[in-house]
Amino acid sequence: MDMSVVVQILMLVVLALMITGRTPLYITAIIGSTIVAIVAGFPMSGKDGATIANLVKGGLNPVIADMTGVLLFLGILEGSGFLAVIVRSVIRFGIKIGGGPGICAAASTAAGIMGMLTGYSPPIVTGAIAGPAAIKMSCDPNQTAGTLGHAGGLGNFGGFTHPTQVALIATAGIGFGAINIVGAICAMTIILASFTRMYFYMKKRNLLLSRQEIEKILEDFKDTDSRITSFKAFLPFILLLAGFVSGLPIFIVGMACGVVVIFLARLAPGKGENMMIEGLTRMAIPLVATIGFLFMSGVIKNIGMIDSIRSILEPLLNISPILVMLMVSIFAGIITQSYSASGALTIPMLTVVISAGADPLAACVAAAGGSALTQHFLTGGPVANLPTLIPVCEGSDLKTANRFQRPSILCGVAMVIVFSFVINLFA
């Protein structure tokens, strides 16, 4: 058997282990890829060519600097209390516009915003308060839990620090900005769909609260720190997003917005800097994942596996590379039920699709969106997602709550499909 075939089969074994989740994800990616590279005959070091040292250096993508800027900003936003005010403001807004359904949608959005910055969106953080409150407002328990459980899509697809998100952005070479805006719109489509379904379900049954009842509930969600207004809390976050959109260096933007928080919160500069540095404690996992996944991607490319995949899928790639990327990403999300594990399929496929002529941004939207939004389709996600909401939403059960989620998730996936093709068409 030809050695190139042997190493490609060995790489498939590594990818299969990552997908099944039976071995540690990042150790498997890094050690497995190293073994494949050694078997393929790659030297450990050298000035030129595909050496293991050069492939590792290839994992040091500029997107790591962007991620550092975001985490510096997160540290001061959280330490100053601004993030807590943002979360409470979002929840109050949701209650005002939609009562029970509104608090569910708002709490899901608030947890998602936290996840955008941290890479992890535990819906129980806001759901522990919003779930029982919504049920007291006559919301259906399963609809309540299902809507609260949509936070992960916003945190993953709209965010800046999830390991797979960062690795996909680095692989596509596009940087933060447009991908985050598209991701947030698609993820918010899911939350909005569930809110709409809840709202009209309750309206049909005359269960919606009166304005007086809503005002009474709002009293429980007043800000505890009168020094931090909603305007103050949101301003640095809005400036950060504006910096992304305008194409400014994210590392500098994150640092500058952190200084704005220090000024608005009237913190001592030294204390504010310590809070910013504290944000970098969250960098370990995305840093290891980014370097590891890009190293793995480099090995896959240099052993000829990308060419093999391209030749197998050539008929479909000739029709539509974006369609292929969407199919692979959606399949990976549903089967693995994990945005992290789906990277074993989506990252190498993204390279294939871009080399076949797809626009990098469109391909990245397809690669990230498909799996980020469908990972919760079958069961509501892993242990830390919908299952954590069932105990706090009295009267709910996992199966029924997840069944409520599915039509809304499909709405979000439809938006991913539309954005992918439209961006590719006008690129």
Protein backbone atom coordinates (compact mmCIF):
# COMPACT_ATOMS: atom_id res chain seq x y z
CA MET A 1 0.00 0.00 0.00
CA ASP A 2 1.27 3.47 -0.91
CA MET A 3 2.62 5.38 2.13
CA SER A 4 0.47 8.44 1.32
CA VAL A 5 -2.63 6.25 1.61
CA VAL A 6 -1.41 4.84 4.93
CA VAL A 7 -0.87 8.27 6.51
CA GLN A 8 -4.23 9.51 5.24
CA ILE A 9 -5.98 6.49 6.78
CA LEU A 10 -4.10 7.18 10.01
CA MET A 11 -5.32 10.80 9.90
CA LEU A 12 -8.87 9.56 9.41
CA VAL A 13 -8.50 7.50 12.59
CA VAL A 14 -7.39 10.64 14.46
CA LEU A 15 -10.38 12.59 13.13
CA ALA A 16 -12.74 9.74 14.02
CA LEU A 17 -11.46 9.72 17.61
CA MET A 18 -12.04 13.47 17.83
CA ILE A 19 -15.57 13.18 16.46
CA THR A 20 -16.61 10.37 18.82
CA GLY A 21 -15.31 12.23 21.87
CA ARG A 22 -13.83 9.05 23.35
CA THR A 23 -10.42 10.70 23.75
CA PRO A 24 -9.39 14.22 24.90
CA LEU A 25 -10.13 16.50 21.94
CA TYR A 26 -7.08 18.77 21.84
CA ILE A 27 -4.54 16.13 22.93
CA THR A 28 -5.87 13.86 20.18
CA ALA A 29 -5.61 16.63 17.57
CA ILE A 30 -2.04 17.62 18.48
CA ILE A 31 -0.45 14.27 19.37
CA GLY A 32 -2.35 12.43 16.62
CA SER A 33 -1.28 14.95 13.98
CA THR A 34 2.32 14.77 15.21
CA ILE A 35 2.32 10.97 14.87
CA VAL A 36 0.85 11.24 11.37
CA ALA A 37 3.52 13.79 10.41
CA ILE A 38 6.31 11.54 11.73
CA VAL A 39 4.94 8.51 9.87
CA ALA A 40 4.72 10.66 6.73
CA GLY A 41 8.44 11.40 7.09
CA PHE A 42 8.27 15.08 8.02
CA PRO A 43 11.48 16.21 9.78
CA MET A 44 11.18 17.73 13.24
CA SER A 45 12.90 20.96 12.23
CA GLY A 46 14.52 22.74 9.32
CA LYS A 47 14.54 26.10 7.61
CA ASP A 48 12.29 25.24 4.67
CA GLY A 49 9.55 22.82 3.74
CA ALA A 50 6.91 20.96 5.71
CA THR A 51 8.72 20.38 9.00
CA ILE A 52 6.83 19.73 12.21
CA ALA A 53 8.32 22.90 13.72
CA ASN A 54 7.16 25.02 10.76
CA LEU A 55 3.67 23.52 10.91
CA VAL A 56 3.42 24.38 14.61
CA LYS A 57 4.54 27.95 13.86
CA GLY A 58 1.80 28.06 11.23
CA GLY A 59 -0.68 27.70 14.08
CA LEU A 60 0.40 31.06 15.50
CA ASN A 61 -2.23 32.91 13.49
CA PRO A 62 -2.80 36.70 13.82
CA VAL A 63 -6.34 35.97 15.06
CA ILE A 64 -4.74 35.08 18.42
CA ALA A 65 -3.84 38.77 18.87
CA ASP A 66 -7.47 39.70 18.14
CA MET A 67 -8.68 37.20 20.71
CA THR A 68 -6.29 38.70 23.27
CA GLY A 69 -7.82 42.14 22.75
CA VAL A 70 -11.33 40.78 23.28
CA LEU A 71 -10.35 38.98 26.50
CA LEU A 72 -8.62 42.08 27.87
CA PHE A 73 -11.88 43.95 27.32
CA LEU A 74 -13.90 41.12 28.89
CA GLY A 75 -11.76 41.22 32.03
CA ILE A 76 -12.48 44.88 32.75
CA LEU A 77 -16.12 44.65 31.61
CA GLU A 78 -16.75 41.85 34.08
CA GLY A 79 -14.60 43.15 36.93
CA SER A 80 -16.14 46.64 36.81
CA GLY A 81 -19.70 45.31 37.02
CA PHE A 82 -20.57 46.63 33.55
CA LEU A 83 -21.31 43.14 32.21
CA ALA A 84 -23.84 42.47 35.00
CA VAL A 85 -25.61 45.74 34.17
CA ILE A 86 -25.74 44.80 30.47
CA VAL A 87 -27.30 41.44 31.34
CA ARG A 88 -29.95 42.97 33.63
CA SER A 89 -30.72 45.70 31.08
CA VAL A 90 -31.31 43.13 28.35
CA ILE A 91 -33.63 41.15 30.64
CA ARG A 92 -35.59 44.29 31.63
CA PHE A 93 -36.00 45.19 27.96
CA GLY A 94 -37.31 41.69 27.22
CA ILE A 95 -39.87 41.89 30.01
CA LYS A 96 -41.07 45.30 28.80
CA ILE A 97 -41.68 44.20 25.22
CA GLY A 98 -42.97 40.69 25.79
CA GLY A 99 -43.71 39.75 29.39
CA GLY A 100 -43.03 36.04 29.97
CA PRO A 101 -41.84 35.23 26.42
CA GLY A 102 -39.80 38.42 26.54
CA ILE A 103 -37.93 37.47 29.70
CA CYS A 104 -37.08 34.06 28.18
CA ALA A 105 -35.76 35.58 24.95
CA ALA A 106 -33.89 38.29 26.83
CA ALA A 107 -32.31 35.87 29.32
CA SER A 108 -31.21 33.65 26.44
CA THR A 109 -29.73 36.68 24.67
CA ALA A 110 -27.99 37.86 27.84
CA ALA A 111 -26.37 34.45 28.39
CA GLY A 112 -25.42 34.46 24.71
CA ILE A 113 -23.73 37.86 25.06
CA MET A 114 -21.69 36.49 27.95
CA GLY A 115 -20.80 33.51 25.78
CA MET A 116 -19.73 35.74 22.89
CA LEU A 117 -16.96 37.09 25.11
CA THR A 118 -16.09 33.97 27.13
CA GLY A 119 -16.60 31.20 24.55
CA TYR A 120 -19.05 29.44 26.86
CA SER A 121 -22.77 30.23 27.21
CA PRO A 122 -24.20 28.52 30.32
CA PRO A 123 -27.94 29.29 30.04
CA ILE A 124 -28.46 28.33 33.66
CA VAL A 125 -26.72 31.58 34.75
CA THR A 126 -29.68 33.68 33.60
CA GLY A 127 -32.15 30.79 33.33
CA ALA A 128 -32.11 30.08 37.07
CA ILE A 129 -33.81 33.46 37.58
CA ALA A 130 -35.71 33.85 34.32
CA GLY A 131 -37.11 30.30 34.15
CA PRO A 132 -39.16 30.31 37.38
CA ALA A 133 -40.16 33.95 36.77
CA ALA A 134 -41.47 33.15 33.26
CA ILE A 135 -43.45 30.15 34.52
CA LYS A 136 -45.04 32.39 37.18
CA MET A 137 -46.08 34.62 34.26
CA SER A 138 -48.06 31.63 32.87
CA CYS A 139 -45.44 30.55 30.30
CA ASP A 140 -45.40 26.90 29.27
CA PRO A 141 -42.49 25.21 31.14
CA ASN A 142 -41.19 23.35 28.07
CA GLN A 143 -41.32 26.44 25.88
CA THR A 144 -39.57 28.37 28.65
CA ALA A 145 -36.71 25.87 28.95
CA GLY A 146 -36.42 25.51 25.18
CA THR A 147 -36.14 29.25 24.57
CA LEU A 148 -33.64 29.76 27.40
CA GLY A 149 -31.55 26.95 25.90
CA HIS A 150 -30.83 28.86 22.68
CA ALA A 151 -28.03 30.89 24.29
CA GLY A 152 -25.29 28.61 22.99
CA GLY A 153 -25.89 29.46 19.34
CA LEU A 154 -25.33 33.17 19.97
CA GLY A 155 -22.30 32.60 22.18
CA ASN A 156 -20.66 30.21 19.72
CA PHE A 157 -21.52 31.60 16.28
CA GLY A 158 -21.63 35.29 17.21
CA GLY A 159 -18.67 35.12 19.57
CA PHE A 160 -14.95 35.77 19.61
CA THR A 161 -13.34 33.10 21.77
CA HIS A 162 -14.88 29.65 21.16
CA PRO A 163 -11.97 27.42 20.08
CA THR A 164 -13.64 26.09 16.92
CA GLN A 165 -14.88 29.55 15.93
CA VAL A 166 -11.38 31.01 16.30
CA ALA A 167 -9.81 28.12 14.38
CA LEU A 168 -12.30 28.43 11.51
CA ILE A 169 -11.77 32.19 11.25
CA ALA A 170 -8.01 31.67 11.24
CA THR A 171 -8.26 28.93 8.60
CA ALA A 172 -10.37 31.16 6.36
CA GLY A 173 -8.02 34.09 6.97
CA ILE A 174 -10.85 36.60 7.41
CA GLY A 175 -10.48 37.98 10.94
CA PHE A 176 -13.27 39.01 13.31
CA GLY A 177 -16.00 41.42 12.27
CA ALA A 178 -18.41 40.44 9.51
CA ILE A 179 -18.52 36.79 10.58
CA ASN A 180 -19.60 37.83 14.09
CA ILE A 181 -22.35 40.11 12.80
CA VAL A 182 -23.71 37.38 10.52
CA GLY A 183 -23.43 34.85 13.34
CA ALA A 184 -25.31 37.08 15.77
CA ILE A 185 -28.12 37.69 13.26
CA CYS A 186 -28.53 33.96 12.54
CA ALA A 187 -28.45 33.02 16.23
CA MET A 188 -30.87 35.80 17.18
CA THR A 189 -33.22 34.50 14.47
CA ILE A 190 -33.56 31.31 16.54
CA ILE A 191 -34.30 33.22 19.74
CA LEU A 192 -36.75 35.52 17.93
CA ALA A 193 -38.53 32.52 16.37
CA SER A 194 -39.06 30.90 19.78
CA PHE A 195 -40.15 34.23 21.29
CA THR A 196 -42.72 34.71 18.50
CA ARG A 197 -44.08 31.19 18.88
CA MET A 198 -44.34 31.58 22.67
CA TYR A 199 -45.95 35.01 22.40
CA PHE A 200 -48.72 33.98 20.01
CA TYR A 201 -49.28 30.71 21.86
CA MET A 202 -49.99 32.73 25.02
CA LYS A 203 -51.93 35.46 23.21
CA LYS A 204 -54.24 32.87 21.69
CA ARG A 205 -54.98 31.56 25.19
CA ASN A 206 -55.26 35.03 26.77
CA LEU A 207 -52.30 34.40 29.08
CA LEU A 208 -50.27 37.56 28.42
CA LEU A 209 -49.69 39.91 31.35
CA SER A 210 -51.16 43.39 31.62
CA ARG A 211 -48.91 46.46 31.58
CA GLN A 212 -49.44 46.94 35.32
CA GLU A 213 -48.34 43.37 36.06
CA ILE A 214 -45.24 43.81 33.91
CA GLU A 215 -44.28 47.05 35.70
CA LYS A 216 -44.55 45.27 39.04
CA ILE A 217 -42.21 42.48 37.88
CA LEU A 218 -39.68 45.03 36.57
CA GLU A 219 -39.14 46.20 40.13
CA ASP A 220 -37.30 42.93 40.81
CA PHE A 221 -34.80 43.63 38.02
CA LYS A 222 -33.65 47.11 38.95
CA ASP A 223 -29.89 47.78 38.85
CA THR A 224 -28.29 47.35 42.25
CA ASP A 225 -25.49 49.85 41.47
CA SER A 226 -26.94 53.27 40.63
CA ARG A 227 -23.50 54.56 39.60
CA ILE A 228 -23.50 52.39 36.46
CA THR A 229 -26.27 53.35 34.06
CA SER A 230 -27.28 51.20 31.11
CA PHE A 231 -25.83 53.82 28.76
CA LYS A 232 -22.46 53.68 30.51
CA ALA A 233 -22.43 49.88 30.45
CA PHE A 234 -23.37 49.53 26.79
CA LEU A 235 -21.17 52.33 25.39
CA PRO A 236 -17.81 50.47 25.53
CA PHE A 237 -19.44 47.32 24.11
CA ILE A 238 -20.93 49.32 21.22
CA LEU A 239 -17.54 50.95 20.59
CA LEU A 240 -15.95 47.49 20.48
CA LEU A 241 -18.46 46.30 17.86
CA ALA A 242 -17.93 49.51 15.86
CA GLY A 243 -14.20 48.82 15.88
CA PHE A 244 -14.81 45.33 14.49
CA VAL A 245 -17.01 46.61 11.70
CA SER A 246 -14.59 49.38 10.70
CA GLY A 247 -11.69 46.95 10.37
CA LEU A 248 -9.48 48.47 13.07
CA PRO A 249 -6.90 46.20 14.81
CA ILE A 250 -8.96 44.25 17.34
CA PHE A 251 -6.12 44.03 19.86
CA ILE A 252 -5.87 47.84 20.00
CA VAL A 253 -9.67 48.28 19.94
CA GLY A 254 -10.11 45.87 22.86
CA MET A 255 -7.44 47.65 24.89
CA ALA A 256 -8.86 51.10 24.05
CA CYS A 257 -12.41 50.07 24.99
CA GLY A 258 -11.03 48.68 28.24
CA VAL A 259 -9.54 52.11 28.99
CA VAL A 260 -12.97 53.64 28.29
CA VAL A 261 -14.46 51.31 30.92
CA ILE A 262 -11.78 52.34 33.43
CA PHE A 263 -12.66 55.99 32.80
CA LEU A 264 -16.44 55.50 32.97
CA ALA A 265 -16.25 53.30 36.08
CA ARG A 266 -13.81 55.75 37.73
CA LEU A 267 -11.38 52.97 38.57
CA ALA A 268 -7.74 53.42 39.50
CA PRO A 269 -5.70 52.72 36.33
CA GLY A 270 -3.63 50.05 38.05
CA LYS A 271 -6.72 48.24 39.34
CA GLY A 272 -8.34 48.46 35.91
CA GLU A 273 -5.25 47.00 34.26
CA ASN A 274 -5.28 44.09 36.71
CA MET A 275 -8.92 43.41 35.80
CA MET A 276 -8.01 43.41 32.11
CA ILE A 277 -5.16 40.96 32.66
CA GLU A 278 -7.56 38.76 34.66
CA GLY A 279 -9.57 38.34 31.46
CA LEU A 280 -6.60 36.56 29.87
CA THR A 281 -7.03 33.63 32.27
CA ARG A 282 -9.74 32.44 29.86
CA MET A 283 -7.28 32.30 26.97
CA ALA A 284 -5.77 28.88 27.67
CA ILE A 285 -8.35 26.68 25.90
CA PRO A 286 -8.89 28.79 22.75
CA LEU A 287 -5.12 29.33 22.43
CA VAL A 288 -4.30 25.62 22.61
CA ALA A 289 -7.24 24.80 20.33
CA THR A 290 -6.30 27.38 17.70
CA ILE A 291 -2.66 26.32 17.49
CA GLY A 292 -3.60 22.63 17.67
CA PHE A 293 -6.34 22.75 15.03
CA LEU A 294 -4.24 24.83 12.62
CA PHE A 295 -1.29 22.49 13.13
CA MET A 296 -3.60 19.57 12.37
CA SER A 297 -4.92 21.40 9.31
CA GLY A 298 -1.36 21.94 8.08
CA VAL A 299 -0.55 18.25 8.48
CA ILE A 300 -3.74 17.27 6.63
CA LYS A 301 -2.83 19.57 3.76
CA ASN A 302 0.78 18.40 3.48
CA ILE A 303 0.01 14.67 3.50
CA GLY A 304 -2.18 15.16 0.43
CA MET A 305 -5.47 14.51 2.21
CA ILE A 306 -7.00 17.79 0.99
CA ASP A 307 -6.36 16.74 -2.61
CA SER A 308 -7.89 13.32 -1.92
CA ILE A 309 -11.03 14.86 -0.43
CA ARG A 310 -11.26 17.30 -3.33
CA SER A 311 -11.01 14.51 -5.91
CA ILE A 312 -13.70 12.44 -4.14
CA LEU A 313 -16.08 15.39 -3.83
CA GLU A 314 -15.18 16.98 -7.17
CA PRO A 315 -18.62 16.46 -8.79
CA LEU A 316 -20.36 18.21 -5.86
CA LEU A 317 -17.66 20.88 -5.56
CA ASN A 318 -18.09 21.69 -9.24
CA ILE A 319 -21.80 22.29 -8.61
CA SER A 320 -21.47 24.34 -5.41
CA PRO A 321 -18.58 24.39 -2.90
CA ILE A 322 -20.79 26.31 -0.44
CA LEU A 323 -23.46 23.60 -0.58
CA VAL A 324 -20.84 20.98 0.25
CA MET A 325 -19.61 23.03 3.22
CA LEU A 326 -23.15 23.50 4.52
CA MET A 327 -23.91 19.79 4.24
CA VAL A 328 -20.73 18.77 6.07
CA SER A 329 -21.16 21.37 8.83
CA ILE A 330 -24.83 20.60 9.48
CA PHE A 331 -24.08 16.87 9.50
CA ALA A 332 -21.15 17.38 11.90
CA GLY A 333 -23.23 19.49 14.29
CA ILE A 334 -26.14 17.05 14.43
CA ILE A 335 -24.00 13.92 14.76
CA THR A 336 -21.38 15.17 17.24
CA GLN A 337 -23.78 17.47 19.16
CA SER A 338 -20.70 19.57 19.82
CA TYR A 339 -19.32 22.65 18.08
CA SER A 340 -15.87 21.70 19.39
CA ALA A 341 -15.92 18.11 18.09
CA SER A 342 -17.40 19.17 14.74
CA GLY A 343 -14.17 21.06 14.04
CA ALA A 344 -12.54 17.74 13.16
CA LEU A 345 -14.72 17.73 10.02
CA THR A 346 -15.37 21.41 9.32
CA ILE A 347 -11.80 22.75 9.57
CA PRO A 348 -10.22 20.49 6.90
CA MET A 349 -13.34 20.78 4.73
CA LEU A 350 -13.16 24.58 4.91
CA THR A 351 -9.71 24.44 3.31
CA VAL A 352 -11.07 22.22 0.52
CA VAL A 353 -14.06 24.47 -0.15
CA ILE A 354 -12.01 27.68 -0.27
CA SER A 355 -9.47 26.07 -2.61
CA ALA A 356 -12.41 25.05 -4.83
CA GLY A 357 -13.25 28.73 -5.34
CA ALA A 358 -15.67 29.64 -2.54
CA ASP A 359 -15.44 33.08 -0.96
CA PRO A 360 -13.61 32.72 2.41
CA LEU A 361 -16.24 34.66 4.41
CA ALA A 362 -19.14 32.77 2.83
CA ALA A 363 -17.39 29.44 3.38
CA CYS A 364 -16.63 30.33 7.01
CA VAL A 365 -20.27 31.30 7.62
CA ALA A 366 -21.34 27.91 6.26
CA ALA A 367 -18.67 26.02 8.21
CA ALA A 368 -19.34 27.75 11.53
CA GLY A 369 -23.08 28.32 11.31
CA GLY A 370 -24.15 24.84 10.30
CA SER A 371 -22.56 23.07 13.25
CA ALA A 372 -22.83 25.89 15.83
CA LEU A 373 -26.61 26.03 15.43
CA THR A 374 -27.42 22.34 14.89
CA GLN A 375 -25.37 20.98 17.80
CA HIS A 376 -28.49 21.31 20.00
CA PHE A 377 -30.94 19.93 17.44
CA LEU A 378 -31.19 16.29 18.53
CA THR A 379 -31.16 16.52 22.33
CA GLY A 380 -30.82 20.18 23.32
CA GLY A 381 -27.07 19.91 23.63
CA PRO A 382 -24.66 18.35 26.11
CA VAL A 383 -25.02 18.17 29.88
CA ALA A 384 -24.26 21.88 30.42
CA ASN A 385 -27.02 23.19 28.16
CA LEU A 386 -30.75 22.31 28.07
CA PRO A 387 -30.47 19.55 30.72
CA THR A 388 -29.43 22.17 33.30
CA LEU A 389 -32.61 24.17 32.66
CA ILE A 390 -35.09 21.33 33.17
CA PRO A 391 -34.74 21.27 37.00
CA VAL A 392 -35.33 25.05 37.31
CA CYS A 393 -38.28 25.06 34.89
CA GLU A 394 -40.77 23.10 36.99
CA GLY A 395 -43.06 20.94 34.87
CA SER A 396 -40.71 20.70 31.89
CA ASP A 397 -39.07 17.60 30.42
CA LEU A 398 -36.02 17.35 28.17
CA LYS A 399 -37.70 15.62 25.24
CA THR A 400 -40.63 18.05 24.91
CA ALA A 401 -38.47 21.14 25.48
CA ASN A 402 -36.04 20.02 22.79
CA ARG A 403 -38.91 19.29 20.40
CA PHE A 404 -40.03 22.91 20.86
CA GLN A 405 -36.51 24.12 19.98
CA ARG A 406 -36.21 22.33 16.64
CA PRO A 407 -38.41 24.50 14.36
CA SER A 408 -36.66 27.61 15.68
CA ILE A 409 -33.23 26.08 15.11
CA LEU A 410 -34.24 25.34 11.51
CA CYS A 411 -35.11 29.04 11.09
CA GLY A 412 -31.58 29.93 12.15
CA VAL A 413 -30.07 27.34 9.81
CA ALA A 414 -32.15 28.78 6.97
CA MET A 415 -30.56 32.18 7.66
CA VAL A 416 -27.10 30.58 7.56
CA ILE A 417 -27.90 29.07 4.16
CA VAL A 418 -29.17 32.40 2.81
CA PHE A 419 -26.18 34.38 4.09
CA SER A 420 -23.70 31.80 2.78
CA PHE A 421 -25.03 31.84 -0.76
CA VAL A 422 -25.68 35.60 -0.90
CA ILE A 423 -22.20 36.51 0.38
CA ASN A 424 -20.61 34.05 -2.05
CA LEU A 425 -22.72 35.42 -4.92
CA PHE A 426 -21.70 39.05 -4.37
CA ALA A 427 -18.08 38.41 -3.33
